[in-house]
Amino acid sequence: AEFNRKYGGHIGFASHAHWKGKEWPEFVKNYAPW
């Protein structure tokens, strides 16, 4: 949900490129411990 908000706004969605690119693994690495 936060990844979608970060890349797509409050009611939008992250693009396919964001999910398949480097953004998603980097996001999980930084945000999951938080």
Full PDB file with SEQRES, HELIX, SHEET, SSBOND, CRYST1, ORIGX, SCALE, CONECT and MASTER records, all heavy atoms in Angstrom:
SEQRES   1 A   34  ALA GLU PHE ASN ARG LYS TYR GLY GLY HIS ILE GLY PHE          
SEQRES   2 A   34  ALA SER HIS ALA HIS TRP LYS GLY LYS GLU TRP PRO GLU          
SEQRES   3 A   34  PHE VAL LYS ASN TYR ALA PRO TRP                              
HELIX    1 AA1 GLU A    2  GLY A    8  1                                   7    
HELIX    2 AA2 HIS A   16  LYS A   20  1                                   5    
HELIX    3 AA3 GLU A   23  TYR A   31  1                                   9    
CRYST1    1.000    1.000    1.000  90.00  90.00  90.00 P 1           1          
ORIGX1      1.000000  0.000000  0.000000        0.00000                         
ORIGX2      0.000000  1.000000  0.000000        0.00000                         
ORIGX3      0.000000  0.000000  1.000000        0.00000                         
SCALE1      1.000000  0.000000  0.000000        0.00000                         
SCALE2      0.000000  1.000000  0.000000        0.00000                         
SCALE3      0.000000  0.000000  1.000000        0.00000                         
ATOM      1  N   ALA A   1       0.832  -1.213   0.000  1.00  0.00           N  
ATOM      2  CA  ALA A   1       0.000   0.000   0.000  1.00  0.00           C  
ATOM      3  C   ALA A   1       0.860   1.253   0.000  1.00  0.00           C  
ATOM      4  O   ALA A   1       0.590   2.217  -0.735  1.00  0.00           O  
ATOM      5  CB  ALA A   1      -0.930  -0.003   1.216  1.00  0.00           C  
ATOM      6  N   GLU A   2       1.918   1.268   0.800  1.00  0.00           N  
ATOM      7  CA  GLU A   2       2.787   2.438   0.862  1.00  0.00           C  
ATOM      8  C   GLU A   2       3.599   2.596  -0.421  1.00  0.00           C  
ATOM      9  O   GLU A   2       3.850   3.716  -0.879  1.00  0.00           O  
ATOM     10  CB  GLU A   2       3.718   2.334   2.073  1.00  0.00           C  
ATOM     11  CG  GLU A   2       4.740   3.458   2.201  1.00  0.00           C  
ATOM     12  CD  GLU A   2       4.137   4.864   2.292  1.00  0.00           C  
ATOM     13  OE1 GLU A   2       2.904   5.010   2.460  1.00  0.00           O  
ATOM     14  OE2 GLU A   2       4.924   5.837   2.203  1.00  0.00           O  
ATOM     15  N   PHE A   3       3.988   1.487  -1.030  1.00  0.00           N  
ATOM     16  CA  PHE A   3       4.709   1.556  -2.306  1.00  0.00           C  
ATOM     17  C   PHE A   3       3.803   2.156  -3.379  1.00  0.00           C  
ATOM     18  O   PHE A   3       4.234   3.004  -4.179  1.00  0.00           O  
ATOM     19  CB  PHE A   3       5.169   0.150  -2.713  1.00  0.00           C  
ATOM     20  CG  PHE A   3       6.101   0.129  -3.885  1.00  0.00           C  
ATOM     21  CD1 PHE A   3       7.414   0.573  -3.768  1.00  0.00           C  
ATOM     22  CD2 PHE A   3       5.686  -0.347  -5.122  1.00  0.00           C  
ATOM     23  CE1 PHE A   3       8.288   0.549  -4.842  1.00  0.00           C  
ATOM     24  CE2 PHE A   3       6.546  -0.373  -6.214  1.00  0.00           C  
ATOM     25  CZ  PHE A   3       7.851   0.075  -6.075  1.00  0.00           C  
ATOM     26  N   ASN A   4       2.526   1.737  -3.400  1.00  0.00           N  
ATOM     27  CA  ASN A   4       1.564   2.328  -4.341  1.00  0.00           C  
ATOM     28  C   ASN A   4       1.387   3.821  -4.086  1.00  0.00           C  
ATOM     29  O   ASN A   4       1.316   4.622  -5.015  1.00  0.00           O  
ATOM     30  CB  ASN A   4       0.210   1.609  -4.234  1.00  0.00           C  
ATOM     31  CG  ASN A   4       0.134   0.362  -5.087  1.00  0.00           C  
ATOM     32  OD1 ASN A   4       0.650   0.335  -6.200  1.00  0.00           O  
ATOM     33  ND2 ASN A   4      -0.489  -0.683  -4.571  1.00  0.00           N  
ATOM     34  N   ARG A   5       1.294   4.206  -2.810  1.00  0.00           N  
ATOM     35  CA  ARG A   5       1.116   5.631  -2.479  1.00  0.00           C  
ATOM     36  C   ARG A   5       2.340   6.433  -2.892  1.00  0.00           C  
ATOM     37  O   ARG A   5       2.234   7.523  -3.457  1.00  0.00           O  
ATOM     38  CB  ARG A   5       0.858   5.810  -0.974  1.00  0.00           C  
ATOM     39  CG  ARG A   5       0.486   7.250  -0.598  1.00  0.00           C  
ATOM     40  CD  ARG A   5       0.836   7.571   0.834  1.00  0.00           C  
ATOM     41  NE  ARG A   5       2.276   7.541   1.059  1.00  0.00           N  
ATOM     42  CZ  ARG A   5       3.110   8.508   0.732  1.00  0.00           C  
ATOM     43  NH1 ARG A   5       2.667   9.609   0.129  1.00  0.00           N  
ATOM     44  NH2 ARG A   5       4.406   8.407   0.982  1.00  0.00           N  
ATOM     45  N   LYS A   6       3.511   5.877  -2.632  1.00  0.00           N  
ATOM     46  CA  LYS A   6       4.768   6.578  -2.910  1.00  0.00           C  
ATOM     47  C   LYS A   6       4.930   6.859  -4.406  1.00  0.00           C  
ATOM     48  O   LYS A   6       5.388   7.929  -4.801  1.00  0.00           O  
ATOM     49  CB  LYS A   6       5.939   5.727  -2.398  1.00  0.00           C  
ATOM     50  CG  LYS A   6       7.295   6.411  -2.407  1.00  0.00           C  
ATOM     51  CD  LYS A   6       8.335   5.487  -1.783  1.00  0.00           C  
ATOM     52  CE  LYS A   6       9.723   6.100  -1.801  1.00  0.00           C  
ATOM     53  NZ  LYS A   6       9.840   7.268  -0.927  1.00  0.00           N  
ATOM     54  N   TYR A   7       4.510   5.900  -5.229  1.00  0.00           N  
ATOM     55  CA  TYR A   7       4.717   6.047  -6.670  1.00  0.00           C  
ATOM     56  C   TYR A   7       3.434   6.322  -7.448  1.00  0.00           C  
ATOM     57  O   TYR A   7       3.491   6.545  -8.656  1.00  0.00           O  
ATOM     58  CB  TYR A   7       5.401   4.792  -7.230  1.00  0.00           C  
ATOM     59  CG  TYR A   7       6.843   4.688  -6.787  1.00  0.00           C  
ATOM     60  CD1 TYR A   7       7.206   3.866  -5.721  1.00  0.00           C  
ATOM     61  CD2 TYR A   7       7.836   5.436  -7.406  1.00  0.00           C  
ATOM     62  CE1 TYR A   7       8.525   3.775  -5.294  1.00  0.00           C  
ATOM     63  CE2 TYR A   7       9.156   5.353  -6.991  1.00  0.00           C  
ATOM     64  CZ  TYR A   7       9.497   4.528  -5.931  1.00  0.00           C  
ATOM     65  OH  TYR A   7      10.804   4.461  -5.511  1.00  0.00           O  
ATOM     66  N   GLY A   8       2.274   6.314  -6.752  1.00  0.00           N  
ATOM     67  CA  GLY A   8       1.021   6.553  -7.464  1.00  0.00           C  
ATOM     68  C   GLY A   8       0.056   7.488  -6.777  1.00  0.00           C  
ATOM     69  O   GLY A   8      -1.046   7.720  -7.268  1.00  0.00           O  
ATOM     70  N   GLY A   9       0.433   8.031  -5.604  1.00  0.00           N  
ATOM     71  CA  GLY A   9      -0.455   8.935  -4.883  1.00  0.00           C  
ATOM     72  C   GLY A   9      -1.406   8.184  -3.965  1.00  0.00           C  
ATOM     73  O   GLY A   9      -1.390   6.955  -3.874  1.00  0.00           O  
ATOM     74  N   HIS A  10      -2.288   8.946  -3.260  1.00  0.00           N  
ATOM     75  CA  HIS A  10      -3.152   8.362  -2.223  1.00  0.00           C  
ATOM     76  C   HIS A  10      -4.110   7.308  -2.762  1.00  0.00           C  
ATOM     77  O   HIS A  10      -4.455   6.364  -2.052  1.00  0.00           O  
ATOM     78  CB  HIS A  10      -3.940   9.459  -1.512  1.00  0.00           C  
ATOM     79  CG  HIS A  10      -3.131  10.198  -0.488  1.00  0.00           C  
ATOM     80  ND1 HIS A  10      -2.761   9.627   0.704  1.00  0.00           N  
ATOM     81  CD2 HIS A  10      -2.614  11.456  -0.488  1.00  0.00           C  
ATOM     82  CE1 HIS A  10      -2.051  10.502   1.400  1.00  0.00           C  
ATOM     83  NE2 HIS A  10      -1.946  11.616   0.693  1.00  0.00           N  
ATOM     84  N   ILE A  11      -4.593   7.455  -3.993  1.00  0.00           N  
ATOM     85  CA  ILE A  11      -5.524   6.460  -4.525  1.00  0.00           C  
ATOM     86  C   ILE A  11      -5.037   5.894  -5.860  1.00  0.00           C  
ATOM     87  O   ILE A  11      -5.789   5.257  -6.584  1.00  0.00           O  
ATOM     88  CB  ILE A  11      -6.954   7.044  -4.691  1.00  0.00           C  
ATOM     89  CG1 ILE A  11      -6.943   8.300  -5.571  1.00  0.00           C  
ATOM     90  CG2 ILE A  11      -7.568   7.345  -3.342  1.00  0.00           C  
ATOM     91  CD1 ILE A  11      -8.329   8.848  -5.868  1.00  0.00           C  
ATOM     92  N   GLY A  12      -3.754   6.110  -6.154  1.00  0.00           N  
ATOM     93  CA  GLY A  12      -3.195   5.607  -7.405  1.00  0.00           C  
ATOM     94  C   GLY A  12      -2.364   4.351  -7.187  1.00  0.00           C  
ATOM     95  O   GLY A  12      -2.378   3.742  -6.120  1.00  0.00           O  
ATOM     96  N   PHE A  13      -1.622   3.979  -8.220  1.00  0.00           N  
ATOM     97  CA  PHE A  13      -0.852   2.740  -8.189  1.00  0.00           C  
ATOM     98  C   PHE A  13       0.545   2.956  -8.752  1.00  0.00           C  
ATOM     99  O   PHE A  13       0.749   3.765  -9.658  1.00  0.00           O  
ATOM    100  CB  PHE A  13      -1.549   1.663  -9.036  1.00  0.00           C  
ATOM    101  CG  PHE A  13      -2.864   1.217  -8.480  1.00  0.00           C  
ATOM    102  CD1 PHE A  13      -4.025   1.902  -8.798  1.00  0.00           C  
ATOM    103  CD2 PHE A  13      -2.945   0.127  -7.633  1.00  0.00           C  
ATOM    104  CE1 PHE A  13      -5.245   1.502  -8.284  1.00  0.00           C  
ATOM    105  CE2 PHE A  13      -4.158  -0.287  -7.112  1.00  0.00           C  
ATOM    106  CZ  PHE A  13      -5.312   0.401  -7.436  1.00  0.00           C  
ATOM    107  N   ALA A  14       1.487   2.212  -8.208  1.00  0.00           N  
ATOM    108  CA  ALA A  14       2.826   2.181  -8.790  1.00  0.00           C  
ATOM    109  C   ALA A  14       2.732   1.503 -10.157  1.00  0.00           C  
ATOM    110  O   ALA A  14       1.889   0.637 -10.379  1.00  0.00           O  
ATOM    111  CB  ALA A  14       3.778   1.405  -7.882  1.00  0.00           C  
ATOM    112  N   SER A  15       3.596   1.896 -11.071  1.00  0.00           N  
ATOM    113  CA  SER A  15       3.575   1.317 -12.416  1.00  0.00           C  
ATOM    114  C   SER A  15       4.234  -0.063 -12.409  1.00  0.00           C  
ATOM    115  O   SER A  15       4.946  -0.444 -11.471  1.00  0.00           O  
ATOM    116  CB  SER A  15       4.323   2.231 -13.390  1.00  0.00           C  
ATOM    117  OG  SER A  15       5.716   2.213 -13.088  1.00  0.00           O  
ATOM    118  N   HIS A  16       3.995  -0.798 -13.483  1.00  0.00           N  
ATOM    119  CA  HIS A  16       4.614  -2.116 -13.638  1.00  0.00           C  
ATOM    120  C   HIS A  16       6.138  -1.995 -13.606  1.00  0.00           C  
ATOM    121  O   HIS A  16       6.833  -2.850 -13.038  1.00  0.00           O  
ATOM    122  CB  HIS A  16       4.152  -2.735 -14.967  1.00  0.00           C  
ATOM    123  CG  HIS A  16       4.626  -4.142 -15.181  1.00  0.00           C  
ATOM    124  ND1 HIS A  16       4.070  -5.223 -14.530  1.00  0.00           N  
ATOM    125  CD2 HIS A  16       5.621  -4.646 -15.970  1.00  0.00           C  
ATOM    126  CE1 HIS A  16       4.689  -6.329 -14.911  1.00  0.00           C  
ATOM    127  NE2 HIS A  16       5.629  -6.007 -15.775  1.00  0.00           N  
ATOM    128  N   ALA A  17       6.650  -0.928 -14.187  1.00  0.00           N  
ATOM    129  CA  ALA A  17       8.106  -0.721 -14.219  1.00  0.00           C  
ATOM    130  C   ALA A  17       8.671  -0.545 -12.820  1.00  0.00           C  
ATOM    131  O   ALA A  17       9.784  -0.997 -12.523  1.00  0.00           O  
ATOM    132  CB  ALA A  17       8.435   0.501 -15.080  1.00  0.00           C  
ATOM    133  N   HIS A  18       7.906   0.107 -11.934  1.00  0.00           N  
ATOM    134  CA  HIS A  18       8.369   0.291 -10.560  1.00  0.00           C  
ATOM    135  C   HIS A  18       8.416  -1.044  -9.808  1.00  0.00           C  
ATOM    136  O   HIS A  18       9.349  -1.308  -9.046  1.00  0.00           O  
ATOM    137  CB  HIS A  18       7.453   1.269  -9.816  1.00  0.00           C  
ATOM    138  CG  HIS A  18       7.616   2.690 -10.237  1.00  0.00           C  
ATOM    139  ND1 HIS A  18       6.553   3.502 -10.567  1.00  0.00           N  
ATOM    140  CD2 HIS A  18       8.724   3.452 -10.397  1.00  0.00           C  
ATOM    141  CE1 HIS A  18       6.995   4.701 -10.893  1.00  0.00           C  
ATOM    142  NE2 HIS A  18       8.314   4.700 -10.811  1.00  0.00           N  
ATOM    143  N   TRP A  19       7.378  -1.875 -10.016  1.00  0.00           N  
ATOM    144  CA  TRP A  19       7.337  -3.165  -9.320  1.00  0.00           C  
ATOM    145  C   TRP A  19       8.452  -4.085  -9.824  1.00  0.00           C  
ATOM    146  O   TRP A  19       9.051  -4.835  -9.033  1.00  0.00           O  
ATOM    147  CB  TRP A  19       5.985  -3.853  -9.546  1.00  0.00           C  
ATOM    148  CG  TRP A  19       4.843  -3.217  -8.808  1.00  0.00           C  
ATOM    149  CD1 TRP A  19       3.874  -2.417  -9.331  1.00  0.00           C  
ATOM    150  CD2 TRP A  19       4.555  -3.318  -7.410  1.00  0.00           C  
ATOM    151  NE1 TRP A  19       2.993  -2.015  -8.342  1.00  0.00           N  
ATOM    152  CE2 TRP A  19       3.382  -2.556  -7.154  1.00  0.00           C  
ATOM    153  CE3 TRP A  19       5.163  -3.984  -6.354  1.00  0.00           C  
ATOM    154  CZ2 TRP A  19       2.816  -2.446  -5.892  1.00  0.00           C  
ATOM    155  CZ3 TRP A  19       4.602  -3.882  -5.084  1.00  0.00           C  
ATOM    156  CH2 TRP A  19       3.440  -3.118  -4.862  1.00  0.00           C  
ATOM    157  N   LYS A  20       8.729  -4.037 -11.109  1.00  0.00           N  
ATOM    158  CA  LYS A  20       9.711  -4.947 -11.688  1.00  0.00           C  
ATOM    159  C   LYS A  20      11.129  -4.384 -11.678  1.00  0.00           C  
ATOM    160  O   LYS A  20      12.103  -5.108 -11.926  1.00  0.00           O  
ATOM    161  CB  LYS A  20       9.323  -5.277 -13.141  1.00  0.00           C  
ATOM    162  CG  LYS A  20       8.109  -6.193 -13.257  1.00  0.00           C  
ATOM    163  CD  LYS A  20       8.404  -7.574 -12.683  1.00  0.00           C  
ATOM    164  CE  LYS A  20       7.305  -8.579 -12.992  1.00  0.00           C  
ATOM    165  NZ  LYS A  20       7.602  -9.919 -12.425  1.00  0.00           N  
ATOM    166  N   GLY A  21      11.255  -3.083 -11.393  1.00  0.00           N  
ATOM    167  CA  GLY A  21      12.566  -2.446 -11.402  1.00  0.00           C  
ATOM    168  C   GLY A  21      13.267  -2.552 -10.060  1.00  0.00           C  
ATOM    169  O   GLY A  21      12.898  -3.333  -9.183  1.00  0.00           O  
ATOM    170  N   LYS A  22      14.272  -1.703  -9.865  1.00  0.00           N  
ATOM    171  CA  LYS A  22      15.066  -1.749  -8.637  1.00  0.00           C  
ATOM    172  C   LYS A  22      14.345  -1.090  -7.457  1.00  0.00           C  
ATOM    173  O   LYS A  22      14.731  -1.293  -6.298  1.00  0.00           O  
ATOM    174  CB  LYS A  22      16.403  -1.048  -8.866  1.00  0.00           C  
ATOM    175  CG  LYS A  22      16.282   0.446  -9.201  1.00  0.00           C  
ATOM    176  CD  LYS A  22      17.637   1.080  -9.423  1.00  0.00           C  
ATOM    177  CE  LYS A  22      17.489   2.579  -9.716  1.00  0.00           C  
ATOM    178  NZ  LYS A  22      18.782   3.243  -9.956  1.00  0.00           N  
ATOM    179  N   GLU A  23      13.284  -0.297  -7.754  1.00  0.00           N  
ATOM    180  CA  GLU A  23      12.607   0.463  -6.691  1.00  0.00           C  
ATOM    181  C   GLU A  23      11.983  -0.454  -5.633  1.00  0.00           C  
ATOM    182  O   GLU A  23      12.092  -0.189  -4.431  1.00  0.00           O  
ATOM    183  CB  GLU A  23      11.515   1.369  -7.277  1.00  0.00           C  
ATOM    184  CG  GLU A  23      12.023   2.529  -8.118  1.00  0.00           C  
ATOM    185  CD  GLU A  23      12.146   2.172  -9.581  1.00  0.00           C  
ATOM    186  OE1 GLU A  23      12.064   0.965  -9.915  1.00  0.00           O  
ATOM    187  OE2 GLU A  23      12.336   3.091 -10.401  1.00  0.00           O  
ATOM    188  N   TRP A  24      11.316  -1.526  -6.067  1.00  0.00           N  
ATOM    189  CA  TRP A  24      10.595  -2.387  -5.114  1.00  0.00           C  
ATOM    190  C   TRP A  24      11.543  -3.126  -4.160  1.00  0.00           C  
ATOM    191  O   TRP A  24      11.360  -3.054  -2.940  1.00  0.00           O  
ATOM    192  CB  TRP A  24       9.684  -3.354  -5.872  1.00  0.00           C  
ATOM    193  CG  TRP A  24       9.075  -4.427  -5.027  1.00  0.00           C  
ATOM    194  CD1 TRP A  24       9.263  -5.775  -5.132  1.00  0.00           C  
ATOM    195  CD2 TRP A  24       8.156  -4.260  -3.934  1.00  0.00           C  
ATOM    196  NE1 TRP A  24       8.533  -6.441  -4.192  1.00  0.00           N  
ATOM    197  CE2 TRP A  24       7.846  -5.547  -3.437  1.00  0.00           C  
ATOM    198  CE3 TRP A  24       7.582  -3.141  -3.325  1.00  0.00           C  
ATOM    199  CZ2 TRP A  24       6.978  -5.750  -2.355  1.00  0.00           C  
ATOM    200  CZ3 TRP A  24       6.708  -3.333  -2.252  1.00  0.00           C  
ATOM    201  CH2 TRP A  24       6.419  -4.627  -1.774  1.00  0.00           C  
ATOM    202  N   PRO A  25      12.598  -3.834  -4.640  1.00  0.00           N  
ATOM    203  CA  PRO A  25      13.508  -4.500  -3.698  1.00  0.00           C  
ATOM    204  C   PRO A  25      14.178  -3.517  -2.734  1.00  0.00           C  
ATOM    205  O   PRO A  25      14.353  -3.814  -1.544  1.00  0.00           O  
ATOM    206  CB  PRO A  25      14.546  -5.176  -4.600  1.00  0.00           C  
ATOM    207  CG  PRO A  25      13.991  -5.161  -5.959  1.00  0.00           C  
ATOM    208  CD  PRO A  25      12.939  -4.113  -6.031  1.00  0.00           C  
ATOM    209  N   GLU A  26      14.523  -2.343  -3.246  1.00  0.00           N  
ATOM    210  CA  GLU A  26      15.160  -1.330  -2.398  1.00  0.00           C  
ATOM    211  C   GLU A  26      14.181  -0.838  -1.331  1.00  0.00           C  
ATOM    212  O   GLU A  26      14.553  -0.636  -0.173  1.00  0.00           O  
ATOM    213  CB  GLU A  26      15.623  -0.155  -3.278  1.00  0.00           C  
ATOM    214  CG  GLU A  26      16.529   0.848  -2.575  1.00  0.00           C  
ATOM    215  CD  GLU A  26      17.893   0.280  -2.229  1.00  0.00           C  
ATOM    216  OE1 GLU A  26      18.325  -0.697  -2.861  1.00  0.00           O  
ATOM    217  OE2 GLU A  26      18.519   0.815  -1.294  1.00  0.00           O  
ATOM    218  N   PHE A  27      12.937  -0.658  -1.729  1.00  0.00           N  
ATOM    219  CA  PHE A  27      11.892  -0.211  -0.803  1.00  0.00           C  
ATOM    220  C   PHE A  27      11.690  -1.240   0.311  1.00  0.00           C  
ATOM    221  O   PHE A  27      11.646  -0.889   1.496  1.00  0.00           O  
ATOM    222  CB  PHE A  27      10.589   0.006  -1.580  1.00  0.00           C  
ATOM    223  CG  PHE A  27       9.417   0.405  -0.727  1.00  0.00           C  
ATOM    224  CD1 PHE A  27       9.201   1.730  -0.384  1.00  0.00           C  
ATOM    225  CD2 PHE A  27       8.526  -0.555  -0.265  1.00  0.00           C  
ATOM    226  CE1 PHE A  27       8.126   2.095   0.409  1.00  0.00           C  
ATOM    227  CE2 PHE A  27       7.455  -0.203   0.526  1.00  0.00           C  
ATOM    228  CZ  PHE A  27       7.248   1.125   0.863  1.00  0.00           C  
ATOM    229  N   VAL A  28      11.546  -2.508  -0.034  1.00  0.00           N  
ATOM    230  CA  VAL A  28      11.338  -3.559   0.974  1.00  0.00           C  
ATOM    231  C   VAL A  28      12.529  -3.636   1.928  1.00  0.00           C  
ATOM    232  O   VAL A  28      12.360  -3.763   3.150  1.00  0.00           O  
ATOM    233  CB  VAL A  28      11.099  -4.923   0.290  1.00  0.00           C  
ATOM    234  CG1 VAL A  28      11.066  -6.054   1.323  1.00  0.00           C  
ATOM    235  CG2 VAL A  28       9.798  -4.895  -0.493  1.00  0.00           C  
ATOM    236  N   LYS A  29      13.725  -3.532   1.379  1.00  0.00           N  
ATOM    237  CA  LYS A  29      14.940  -3.593   2.196  1.00  0.00           C  
ATOM    238  C   LYS A  29      14.961  -2.492   3.258  1.00  0.00           C  
ATOM    239  O   LYS A  29      15.364  -2.723   4.410  1.00  0.00           O  
ATOM    240  CB  LYS A  29      16.165  -3.469   1.279  1.00  0.00           C  
ATOM    241  CG  LYS A  29      17.493  -3.448   2.008  1.00  0.00           C  
ATOM    242  CD  LYS A  29      18.644  -3.231   1.030  1.00  0.00           C  
ATOM    243  CE  LYS A  29      19.971  -3.060   1.751  1.00  0.00           C  
ATOM    244  NZ  LYS A  29      21.078  -2.782   0.798  1.00  0.00           N  
ATOM    245  N   ASN A  30      14.514  -1.282   2.885  1.00  0.00           N  
ATOM    246  CA  ASN A  30      14.559  -0.143   3.804  1.00  0.00           C  
ATOM    247  C   ASN A  30      13.333  -0.046   4.716  1.00  0.00           C  
ATOM    248  O   ASN A  30      13.447   0.361   5.879  1.00  0.00           O  
ATOM    249  CB  ASN A  30      14.688   1.162   3.011  1.00  0.00           C  
ATOM    250  CG  ASN A  30      16.028   1.273   2.313  1.00  0.00           C  
ATOM    251  OD1 ASN A  30      17.033   0.799   2.815  1.00  0.00           O  
ATOM    252  ND2 ASN A  30      16.042   1.884   1.137  1.00  0.00           N  
ATOM    253  N   TYR A  31      12.153  -0.404   4.197  1.00  0.00           N  
ATOM    254  CA  TYR A  31      10.919  -0.166   4.936  1.00  0.00           C  
ATOM    255  C   TYR A  31      10.494  -1.336   5.828  1.00  0.00           C  
ATOM    256  O   TYR A  31       9.853  -1.132   6.856  1.00  0.00           O  
ATOM    257  CB  TYR A  31       9.779   0.177   3.962  1.00  0.00           C  
ATOM    258  CG  TYR A  31       9.706   1.633   3.597  1.00  0.00           C  
ATOM    259  CD1 TYR A  31      10.707   2.234   2.835  1.00  0.00           C  
ATOM    260  CD2 TYR A  31       8.638   2.425   3.998  1.00  0.00           C  
ATOM    261  CE1 TYR A  31      10.650   3.573   2.487  1.00  0.00           C  
ATOM    262  CE2 TYR A  31       8.561   3.768   3.657  1.00  0.00           C  
ATOM    263  CZ  TYR A  31       9.574   4.331   2.901  1.00  0.00           C  
ATOM    264  OH  TYR A  31       9.512   5.666   2.561  1.00  0.00           O  
ATOM    265  N   ALA A  32      10.794  -2.580   5.426  1.00  0.00           N  
ATOM    266  CA  ALA A  32      10.358  -3.731   6.224  1.00  0.00           C  
ATOM    267  C   ALA A  32      10.910  -3.696   7.654  1.00  0.00           C  
ATOM    268  O   ALA A  32      10.158  -3.929   8.614  1.00  0.00           O  
ATOM    269  CB  ALA A  32      10.732  -5.032   5.519  1.00  0.00           C  
ATOM    270  N   PRO A  33      12.208  -3.372   7.867  1.00  0.00           N  
ATOM    271  CA  PRO A  33      12.705  -3.285   9.251  1.00  0.00           C  
ATOM    272  C   PRO A  33      12.019  -2.169  10.037  1.00  0.00           C  
ATOM    273  O   PRO A  33      11.848  -2.281  11.264  1.00  0.00           O  
ATOM    274  CB  PRO A  33      14.205  -2.991   9.071  1.00  0.00           C  
ATOM    275  CG  PRO A  33      14.521  -3.451   7.691  1.00  0.00           C  
ATOM    276  CD  PRO A  33      13.287  -3.197   6.890  1.00  0.00           C  
ATOM    277  N   TRP A  34      11.623  -1.112   9.346  1.00  0.00           N  
ATOM    278  CA  TRP A  34      10.935  -0.006  10.012  1.00  0.00           C  
ATOM    279  C   TRP A  34       9.572  -0.458  10.538  1.00  0.00           C  
ATOM    280  O   TRP A  34       9.118  -0.013  11.584  1.00  0.00           O  
ATOM    281  CB  TRP A  34      10.798   1.179   9.039  1.00  0.00           C  
ATOM    282  CG  TRP A  34      10.123   2.391   9.619  1.00  0.00           C  
ATOM    283  CD1 TRP A  34       9.961   2.693  10.944  1.00  0.00           C  
ATOM    284  CD2 TRP A  34       9.533   3.470   8.891  1.00  0.00           C  
ATOM    285  NE1 TRP A  34       9.297   3.894  11.086  1.00  0.00           N  
ATOM    286  CE2 TRP A  34       9.022   4.391   9.837  1.00  0.00           C  
ATOM    287  CE3 TRP A  34       9.394   3.756   7.538  1.00  0.00           C  
ATOM    288  CZ2 TRP A  34       8.374   5.564   9.469  1.00  0.00           C  
ATOM    289  CZ3 TRP A  34       8.754   4.934   7.171  1.00  0.00           C  
ATOM    290  CH2 TRP A  34       8.250   5.827   8.121  1.00  0.00           C  
TER     291      TRP A  34                                                      
MASTER        0    0    0    3    0    0    0    6  290    1    0    3          
END                                                                             
